[in-house]
Structures are given as structure tokens and as C-alpha cells.
Amino acid sequence: MRAQANILWVLAGFFLVADAAYTVWSLLSTEFHAVEWAGTLGIGLAAVLAIFLAFYMNRSHAAQSGELPEDRLDANIDDGDPEIGFFSPWSWWPIVLAAGCSIAFLGLAVGLWLCFFAAVFVAVALVGWVFEAYRGNFAH
């Protein structure tokens, strides 16, 4: 996490320098000698975002109990591979859920009446996906 924080600090410095250069360039290149605010604020806010993320990464690194495997030179690949959770191997429910969400977004564009049918479709798909591991071949 320390490496990511350092990268973000460097990126924040780059954005601050780029923002200053953009502001000076916009002052010198226009005939009215005015600041072009969209680019200046956009690059400045990118610097602020990089500063926020770098600060958060530094605080998270200081609060954790030890070094992450990504930061250690003697770490193995398996050290950073935690158990994420249980996933059903042959599940069709994510495809059904994606189809229901697609119909819902299509309903927002075409007609709101379609969203009501999609809501039922999405609800059935969510219930099916959540309770899939409790019945059938993969029940525990």
C-alpha cells in the first residue's frame, strides 16, 4: 500500500504542476488574457483527488498491522491470495439478473411500464441467485 500511496503523491504533484502550466498557458495564449476555467478546475480537481487518495492510502498503511504481501520483496504469490467467498460454479442466475437489469434500463429509455415487468424479473433473479446454494446439486 505504501507503493500505491507514493505513486499517488507523485501523480498529485504532476497534476499541480500541469495545472499551473495550463493556467499560465491559457493566460498567455488568449487575446483577452483570461483563465480558461474548465481545464484549470478539471486538472486542479484531479490533483485534489490524487491527494485525497494518497492521504487515505498513507493512513490505511499506518493503521494496518503489518506490510501487505505486495509491499514485501520476499513474499510469494500465494501470500496475497485470501479466500474471497463461495461461488456457485454453474450459475445461470447472473445472466438472468443482467437481462432483468437491461430490461429495466431499457424501460427507462422506452417506457416506464417496462420497468415494472423488469422489477419482477430482477427480484426473481436475485432470490434465485441468493438461494441457489441451498437446493439442487450444490446444496450444502
N, C-alpha and C. Protein backbone atom coordinates (compact mmCIF):
# COMPACT_ATOMS: atom_id res chain seq x y z
N MET A 1 0.82 -1.18 0.00
CA MET A 1 0.00 0.00 0.00
C MET A 1 0.87 1.26 0.00
N ARG A 2 2.07 1.10 0.50
CA ARG A 2 2.97 2.24 0.52
C ARG A 2 3.36 2.65 -0.90
N ALA A 3 3.56 1.67 -1.77
CA ALA A 3 3.92 1.98 -3.16
C ALA A 3 2.79 2.71 -3.87
N GLN A 4 1.55 2.29 -3.63
CA GLN A 4 0.42 2.97 -4.25
C GLN A 4 0.29 4.40 -3.75
N ALA A 5 0.52 4.61 -2.46
CA ALA A 5 0.46 5.96 -1.90
C ALA A 5 1.54 6.85 -2.51
N ASN A 6 2.74 6.32 -2.67
CA ASN A 6 3.82 7.11 -3.28
C ASN A 6 3.51 7.46 -4.73
N ILE A 7 2.93 6.51 -5.46
CA ILE A 7 2.55 6.79 -6.84
C ILE A 7 1.51 7.90 -6.90
N LEU A 8 0.55 7.85 -5.98
CA LEU A 8 -0.49 8.89 -5.97
C LEU A 8 0.06 10.24 -5.55
N TRP A 9 1.04 10.29 -4.65
CA TRP A 9 1.67 11.57 -4.30
C TRP A 9 2.39 12.16 -5.51
N VAL A 10 3.11 11.31 -6.25
CA VAL A 10 3.80 11.77 -7.47
C VAL A 10 2.77 12.26 -8.49
N LEU A 11 1.67 11.53 -8.63
CA LEU A 11 0.62 11.93 -9.56
C LEU A 11 -0.02 13.26 -9.16
N ALA A 12 -0.20 13.45 -7.86
CA ALA A 12 -0.75 14.72 -7.38
C ALA A 12 0.20 15.87 -7.68
N GLY A 13 1.49 15.67 -7.49
CA GLY A 13 2.47 16.70 -7.83
C GLY A 13 2.46 17.02 -9.32
N PHE A 14 2.35 15.98 -10.14
CA PHE A 14 2.28 16.20 -11.58
C PHE A 14 1.06 17.02 -11.95
N PHE A 15 -0.09 16.68 -11.37
CA PHE A 15 -1.31 17.42 -11.69
C PHE A 15 -1.22 18.88 -11.23
N LEU A 16 -0.58 19.14 -10.10
CA LEU A 16 -0.43 20.52 -9.64
C LEU A 16 0.46 21.32 -10.58
N VAL A 17 1.57 20.71 -11.03
CA VAL A 17 2.46 21.38 -11.98
C VAL A 17 1.74 21.59 -13.31
N ALA A 18 1.00 20.56 -13.76
CA ALA A 18 0.27 20.67 -15.02
C ALA A 18 -0.82 21.73 -14.92
N ASP A 19 -1.46 21.84 -13.76
CA ASP A 19 -2.49 22.86 -13.57
C ASP A 19 -1.90 24.26 -13.64
N ALA A 20 -0.76 24.46 -13.01
CA ALA A 20 -0.11 25.77 -13.06
C ALA A 20 0.32 26.10 -14.50
N ALA A 21 0.88 25.11 -15.19
CA ALA A 21 1.30 25.35 -16.58
C ALA A 21 0.10 25.62 -17.47
N TYR A 22 -1.00 24.93 -17.26
CA TYR A 22 -2.20 25.15 -18.06
C TYR A 22 -2.78 26.53 -17.83
N THR A 23 -2.76 26.96 -16.57
CA THR A 23 -3.29 28.28 -16.26
C THR A 23 -2.44 29.38 -16.90
N VAL A 24 -1.13 29.26 -16.79
CA VAL A 24 -0.23 30.25 -17.40
C VAL A 24 -0.39 30.23 -18.91
N TRP A 25 -0.47 29.05 -19.49
CA TRP A 25 -0.61 28.95 -20.94
C TRP A 25 -1.92 29.56 -21.42
N SER A 26 -3.01 29.33 -20.67
CA SER A 26 -4.27 29.92 -21.09
C SER A 26 -4.27 31.44 -20.93
N LEU A 27 -3.53 31.95 -19.95
CA LEU A 27 -3.42 33.40 -19.80
C LEU A 27 -2.63 34.03 -20.95
N LEU A 28 -1.59 33.33 -21.39
CA LEU A 28 -0.74 33.90 -22.43
C LEU A 28 -1.29 33.69 -23.84
N SER A 29 -2.10 32.67 -24.05
CA SER A 29 -2.50 32.34 -25.42
C SER A 29 -3.79 33.01 -25.87
N THR A 30 -4.62 33.43 -24.95
CA THR A 30 -5.87 34.05 -25.38
C THR A 30 -5.67 35.55 -25.57
N GLU A 31 -6.49 36.12 -26.41
CA GLU A 31 -6.35 37.55 -26.67
C GLU A 31 -6.92 38.40 -25.54
N PHE A 32 -7.79 37.81 -24.71
CA PHE A 32 -8.35 38.56 -23.59
C PHE A 32 -7.54 38.37 -22.31
N HIS A 33 -6.52 37.51 -22.34
CA HIS A 33 -5.68 37.21 -21.18
C HIS A 33 -6.54 36.78 -19.99
N ALA A 34 -7.40 35.81 -20.24
CA ALA A 34 -8.30 35.29 -19.20
C ALA A 34 -8.00 33.81 -18.97
N VAL A 35 -8.33 33.38 -17.80
CA VAL A 35 -8.12 31.97 -17.44
C VAL A 35 -9.24 31.13 -18.04
N GLU A 36 -8.87 29.99 -18.61
CA GLU A 36 -9.86 29.04 -19.12
C GLU A 36 -10.22 28.13 -17.96
N TRP A 37 -11.40 28.35 -17.36
CA TRP A 37 -11.73 27.76 -16.07
C TRP A 37 -12.04 26.28 -16.12
N ALA A 38 -12.57 25.77 -17.21
CA ALA A 38 -12.95 24.36 -17.26
C ALA A 38 -11.72 23.45 -17.12
N GLY A 39 -10.70 23.74 -17.90
CA GLY A 39 -9.48 22.93 -17.83
C GLY A 39 -8.71 23.14 -16.53
N THR A 40 -8.66 24.39 -16.08
CA THR A 40 -7.94 24.70 -14.85
C THR A 40 -8.57 23.99 -13.66
N LEU A 41 -9.90 24.08 -13.55
CA LEU A 41 -10.57 23.40 -12.45
C LEU A 41 -10.53 21.89 -12.59
N GLY A 42 -10.63 21.38 -13.82
CA GLY A 42 -10.58 19.94 -14.03
C GLY A 42 -9.25 19.34 -13.61
N ILE A 43 -8.16 19.95 -14.03
CA ILE A 43 -6.84 19.44 -13.67
C ILE A 43 -6.58 19.66 -12.17
N GLY A 44 -7.04 20.79 -11.65
CA GLY A 44 -6.89 21.03 -10.21
C GLY A 44 -7.66 20.03 -9.36
N LEU A 45 -8.87 19.70 -9.79
CA LEU A 45 -9.64 18.70 -9.05
C LEU A 45 -9.06 17.31 -9.19
N ALA A 46 -8.41 17.01 -10.30
CA ALA A 46 -7.70 15.74 -10.43
C ALA A 46 -6.55 15.68 -9.42
N ALA A 47 -5.88 16.80 -9.20
CA ALA A 47 -4.83 16.86 -8.18
C ALA A 47 -5.41 16.67 -6.79
N VAL A 48 -6.55 17.29 -6.52
CA VAL A 48 -7.20 17.13 -5.21
C VAL A 48 -7.59 15.68 -4.98
N LEU A 49 -8.13 15.02 -6.01
CA LEU A 49 -8.49 13.61 -5.89
C LEU A 49 -7.27 12.75 -5.61
N ALA A 50 -6.17 13.00 -6.30
CA ALA A 50 -4.95 12.23 -6.06
C ALA A 50 -4.42 12.47 -4.65
N ILE A 51 -4.54 13.70 -4.15
CA ILE A 51 -4.11 14.00 -2.77
C ILE A 51 -4.99 13.26 -1.77
N PHE A 52 -6.31 13.27 -1.98
CA PHE A 52 -7.22 12.55 -1.08
C PHE A 52 -6.89 11.06 -1.04
N LEU A 53 -6.69 10.46 -2.22
CA LEU A 53 -6.41 9.04 -2.27
C LEU A 53 -5.05 8.71 -1.65
N ALA A 54 -4.05 9.54 -1.90
CA ALA A 54 -2.74 9.29 -1.32
C ALA A 54 -2.78 9.42 0.20
N PHE A 55 -3.50 10.41 0.70
CA PHE A 55 -3.64 10.57 2.15
C PHE A 55 -4.34 9.36 2.76
N TYR A 56 -5.41 8.88 2.09
CA TYR A 56 -6.12 7.71 2.59
C TYR A 56 -5.23 6.48 2.58
N MET A 57 -4.45 6.31 1.52
CA MET A 57 -3.54 5.15 1.45
C MET A 57 -2.48 5.23 2.54
N ASN A 58 -1.95 6.42 2.80
CA ASN A 58 -0.97 6.57 3.89
C ASN A 58 -1.58 6.24 5.24
N ARG A 59 -2.79 6.72 5.50
CA ARG A 59 -3.45 6.45 6.79
C ARG A 59 -3.80 4.97 6.92
N SER A 60 -4.24 4.35 5.84
CA SER A 60 -4.55 2.91 5.89
C SER A 60 -3.30 2.09 6.10
N HIS A 61 -2.21 2.50 5.48
CA HIS A 61 -0.94 1.78 5.67
C HIS A 61 -0.45 1.92 7.10
N ALA A 62 -0.62 3.08 7.68
CA ALA A 62 -0.18 3.29 9.07
C ALA A 62 -1.06 2.53 10.05
N ALA A 63 -2.33 2.32 9.72
CA ALA A 63 -3.25 1.66 10.64
C ALA A 63 -3.22 0.14 10.56
N GLN A 64 -2.69 -0.41 9.48
CA GLN A 64 -2.69 -1.88 9.37
C GLN A 64 -1.59 -2.48 10.22
N SER A 65 -1.74 -3.75 10.53
CA SER A 65 -0.83 -4.39 11.48
C SER A 65 0.55 -4.68 10.90
N GLY A 66 0.65 -4.90 9.62
CA GLY A 66 1.95 -5.21 9.03
C GLY A 66 1.96 -4.85 7.55
N GLU A 67 3.02 -5.23 6.89
CA GLU A 67 3.17 -4.95 5.47
C GLU A 67 2.28 -5.89 4.67
N LEU A 68 1.72 -5.38 3.60
CA LEU A 68 0.97 -6.24 2.68
C LEU A 68 1.94 -7.09 1.89
N PRO A 69 1.49 -8.23 1.39
CA PRO A 69 2.39 -9.06 0.58
C PRO A 69 2.90 -8.34 -0.66
N GLU A 70 2.13 -7.40 -1.19
CA GLU A 70 2.56 -6.66 -2.37
C GLU A 70 3.75 -5.75 -2.08
N ASP A 71 3.92 -5.37 -0.80
CA ASP A 71 4.99 -4.45 -0.43
C ASP A 71 6.26 -5.17 0.01
N ARG A 72 6.18 -6.46 0.25
CA ARG A 72 7.35 -7.21 0.70
C ARG A 72 8.08 -7.82 -0.49
N LEU A 73 9.40 -7.76 -0.47
CA LEU A 73 10.19 -8.32 -1.56
C LEU A 73 10.31 -9.84 -1.46
N ASP A 74 10.16 -10.39 -0.25
CA ASP A 74 10.31 -11.83 -0.06
C ASP A 74 8.98 -12.57 -0.07
N ALA A 75 7.89 -11.94 -0.48
CA ALA A 75 6.56 -12.56 -0.45
C ALA A 75 6.37 -13.48 -1.65
N ASN A 76 5.58 -14.52 -1.44
CA ASN A 76 5.20 -15.42 -2.52
C ASN A 76 3.87 -14.96 -3.11
N ILE A 77 3.53 -15.52 -4.27
CA ILE A 77 2.28 -15.16 -4.92
C ILE A 77 1.10 -15.60 -4.06
N ASP A 78 1.21 -16.76 -3.42
CA ASP A 78 0.11 -17.29 -2.61
C ASP A 78 -0.14 -16.48 -1.34
N ASP A 79 0.78 -15.65 -0.93
CA ASP A 79 0.59 -14.87 0.30
C ASP A 79 -0.53 -13.83 0.15
N GLY A 80 -0.73 -13.32 -1.03
CA GLY A 80 -1.75 -12.31 -1.24
C GLY A 80 -3.04 -12.86 -1.82
N ASP A 81 -3.29 -14.15 -1.65
CA ASP A 81 -4.44 -14.80 -2.25
C ASP A 81 -5.39 -15.29 -1.16
N PRO A 82 -6.20 -14.39 -0.56
CA PRO A 82 -7.10 -14.81 0.51
C PRO A 82 -8.35 -15.49 -0.03
N GLU A 83 -9.06 -16.15 0.84
CA GLU A 83 -10.35 -16.74 0.48
C GLU A 83 -11.37 -15.62 0.32
N ILE A 84 -11.97 -15.52 -0.83
CA ILE A 84 -12.90 -14.43 -1.10
C ILE A 84 -14.33 -14.82 -0.74
N GLY A 85 -14.72 -16.03 -1.02
CA GLY A 85 -16.07 -16.46 -0.70
C GLY A 85 -16.45 -17.67 -1.51
N PHE A 86 -17.70 -18.06 -1.40
CA PHE A 86 -18.21 -19.22 -2.11
C PHE A 86 -18.97 -18.77 -3.33
N PHE A 87 -18.67 -19.35 -4.47
CA PHE A 87 -19.35 -19.01 -5.70
C PHE A 87 -19.84 -20.29 -6.35
N SER A 88 -21.08 -20.29 -6.80
CA SER A 88 -21.63 -21.46 -7.48
C SER A 88 -20.97 -21.60 -8.85
N PRO A 89 -20.49 -22.79 -9.17
CA PRO A 89 -19.70 -22.94 -10.39
C PRO A 89 -20.50 -22.86 -11.68
N TRP A 90 -21.76 -23.32 -11.69
CA TRP A 90 -22.52 -23.36 -12.94
C TRP A 90 -23.78 -22.51 -12.82
N SER A 91 -23.66 -21.32 -12.34
CA SER A 91 -24.81 -20.48 -12.08
C SER A 91 -25.26 -19.73 -13.33
N TRP A 92 -26.57 -19.81 -13.63
CA TRP A 92 -27.16 -19.05 -14.71
C TRP A 92 -27.84 -17.79 -14.20
N TRP A 93 -27.94 -17.65 -12.88
CA TRP A 93 -28.68 -16.52 -12.32
C TRP A 93 -28.03 -15.17 -12.60
N PRO A 94 -26.71 -15.03 -12.65
CA PRO A 94 -26.15 -13.71 -13.01
C PRO A 94 -26.56 -13.25 -14.42
N ILE A 95 -26.70 -14.19 -15.33
CA ILE A 95 -27.13 -13.83 -16.68
C ILE A 95 -28.58 -13.38 -16.67
N VAL A 96 -29.41 -14.08 -15.89
CA VAL A 96 -30.81 -13.70 -15.77
C VAL A 96 -30.93 -12.32 -15.12
N LEU A 97 -30.11 -12.08 -14.09
CA LEU A 97 -30.13 -10.77 -13.42
C LEU A 97 -29.67 -9.66 -14.37
N ALA A 98 -28.65 -9.92 -15.16
CA ALA A 98 -28.19 -8.92 -16.13
C ALA A 98 -29.26 -8.63 -17.17
N ALA A 99 -29.99 -9.66 -17.60
CA ALA A 99 -31.07 -9.45 -18.56
C ALA A 99 -32.18 -8.61 -17.93
N GLY A 100 -32.50 -8.88 -16.66
CA GLY A 100 -33.52 -8.09 -15.98
C GLY A 100 -33.11 -6.63 -15.82
N CYS A 101 -31.86 -6.40 -15.46
CA CYS A 101 -31.37 -5.02 -15.34
C CYS A 101 -31.35 -4.32 -16.70
N SER A 102 -31.03 -5.06 -17.75
CA SER A 102 -31.04 -4.48 -19.10
C SER A 102 -32.46 -4.07 -19.49
N ILE A 103 -33.42 -4.91 -19.17
CA ILE A 103 -34.81 -4.56 -19.48
C ILE A 103 -35.24 -3.35 -18.66
N ALA A 104 -34.78 -3.27 -17.40
CA ALA A 104 -35.13 -2.11 -16.57
C ALA A 104 -34.56 -0.81 -17.15
N PHE A 105 -33.31 -0.83 -17.58
CA PHE A 105 -32.73 0.37 -18.17
C PHE A 105 -33.36 0.69 -19.52
N LEU A 106 -33.73 -0.36 -20.26
CA LEU A 106 -34.46 -0.13 -21.50
C LEU A 106 -35.81 0.51 -21.21
N GLY A 107 -36.44 0.10 -20.12
CA GLY A 107 -37.70 0.68 -19.72
C GLY A 107 -37.58 2.15 -19.36
N LEU A 108 -36.44 2.54 -18.79
CA LEU A 108 -36.23 3.97 -18.51
C LEU A 108 -36.15 4.78 -19.79
N ALA A 109 -35.62 4.17 -20.84
CA ALA A 109 -35.47 4.89 -22.10
C ALA A 109 -36.71 4.82 -22.96
N VAL A 110 -37.40 3.68 -22.96
CA VAL A 110 -38.51 3.47 -23.89
C VAL A 110 -39.84 3.81 -23.25
N GLY A 111 -40.11 3.18 -22.13
CA GLY A 111 -41.38 3.42 -21.47
C GLY A 111 -41.31 2.90 -20.05
N LEU A 112 -41.85 3.66 -19.13
CA LEU A 112 -41.74 3.31 -17.71
C LEU A 112 -42.50 2.04 -17.37
N TRP A 113 -43.50 1.68 -18.15
CA TRP A 113 -44.27 0.47 -17.89
C TRP A 113 -43.40 -0.77 -17.96
N LEU A 114 -42.34 -0.74 -18.75
CA LEU A 114 -41.45 -1.89 -18.88
C LEU A 114 -40.64 -2.13 -17.61
N CYS A 115 -40.42 -1.09 -16.82
CA CYS A 115 -39.66 -1.22 -15.57
C CYS A 115 -40.40 -2.09 -14.55
N PHE A 116 -41.72 -2.09 -14.58
CA PHE A 116 -42.47 -2.90 -13.63
C PHE A 116 -42.28 -4.39 -13.90
N PHE A 117 -42.28 -4.77 -15.16
CA PHE A 117 -42.01 -6.17 -15.51
C PHE A 117 -40.56 -6.53 -15.18
N ALA A 118 -39.65 -5.60 -15.42
CA ALA A 118 -38.23 -5.85 -15.15
C ALA A 118 -37.98 -5.97 -13.65
N ALA A 119 -38.72 -5.24 -12.83
CA ALA A 119 -38.54 -5.33 -11.38
C ALA A 119 -38.88 -6.72 -10.88
N VAL A 120 -39.94 -7.31 -11.41
CA VAL A 120 -40.29 -8.69 -11.04
C VAL A 120 -39.21 -9.65 -11.51
N PHE A 121 -38.73 -9.44 -12.72
CA PHE A 121 -37.66 -10.27 -13.30
C PHE A 121 -36.40 -10.20 -12.44
N VAL A 122 -36.02 -8.99 -12.04
CA VAL A 122 -34.83 -8.79 -11.21
C VAL A 122 -35.01 -9.40 -9.83
N ALA A 123 -36.19 -9.27 -9.24
CA ALA A 123 -36.45 -9.83 -7.92
C ALA A 123 -36.35 -11.35 -7.94
N VAL A 124 -36.92 -11.98 -8.96
CA VAL A 124 -36.83 -13.44 -9.07
C VAL A 124 -35.38 -13.87 -9.27
N ALA A 125 -34.65 -13.15 -10.09
CA ALA A 125 -33.25 -13.49 -10.34
C ALA A 125 -32.41 -13.33 -9.07
N LEU A 126 -32.64 -12.28 -8.28
CA LEU A 126 -31.89 -12.10 -7.04
C LEU A 126 -32.19 -13.19 -6.03
N VAL A 127 -33.46 -13.54 -5.88
CA VAL A 127 -33.83 -14.61 -4.94
C VAL A 127 -33.25 -15.94 -5.41
N GLY A 128 -33.31 -16.19 -6.70
CA GLY A 128 -32.74 -17.42 -7.24
C GLY A 128 -31.24 -17.51 -7.03
N TRP A 129 -30.55 -16.41 -7.22
CA TRP A 129 -29.09 -16.40 -7.07
C TRP A 129 -28.68 -16.54 -5.60
N VAL A 130 -29.41 -15.87 -4.72
CA VAL A 130 -29.06 -15.92 -3.30
C VAL A 130 -29.30 -17.32 -2.73
N PHE A 131 -30.41 -17.93 -3.09
CA PHE A 131 -30.76 -19.23 -2.51
C PHE A 131 -30.36 -20.41 -3.38
N GLU A 132 -29.53 -20.17 -4.38
CA GLU A 132 -29.10 -21.24 -5.27
C GLU A 132 -28.26 -22.29 -4.54
N ALA A 133 -27.49 -21.87 -3.58
CA ALA A 133 -26.59 -22.80 -2.88
C ALA A 133 -27.32 -23.66 -1.86
N TYR A 134 -28.62 -23.45 -1.66
CA TYR A 134 -29.36 -24.19 -0.66
C TYR A 134 -30.24 -25.28 -1.25
N ARG A 135 -30.21 -25.48 -2.57
CA ARG A 135 -31.02 -26.53 -3.18
C ARG A 135 -30.32 -27.04 -4.44
N GLY A 136 -30.72 -28.17 -4.92
CA GLY A 136 -30.17 -28.73 -6.15
C GLY A 136 -28.86 -29.44 -5.92
N ASN A 137 -28.03 -29.50 -6.97
CA ASN A 137 -26.78 -30.25 -6.94
C ASN A 137 -25.74 -29.67 -5.99
N PHE A 138 -25.77 -28.35 -5.78
CA PHE A 138 -24.73 -27.69 -5.00
C PHE A 138 -25.19 -27.28 -3.61
N ALA A 139 -26.23 -27.93 -3.09
CA ALA A 139 -26.75 -27.58 -1.76
C ALA A 139 -25.75 -27.98 -0.68
N HIS A 140 -25.64 -27.14 0.35
CA HIS A 140 -24.80 -27.53 1.47
C HIS A 140 -25.59 -27.65 2.73
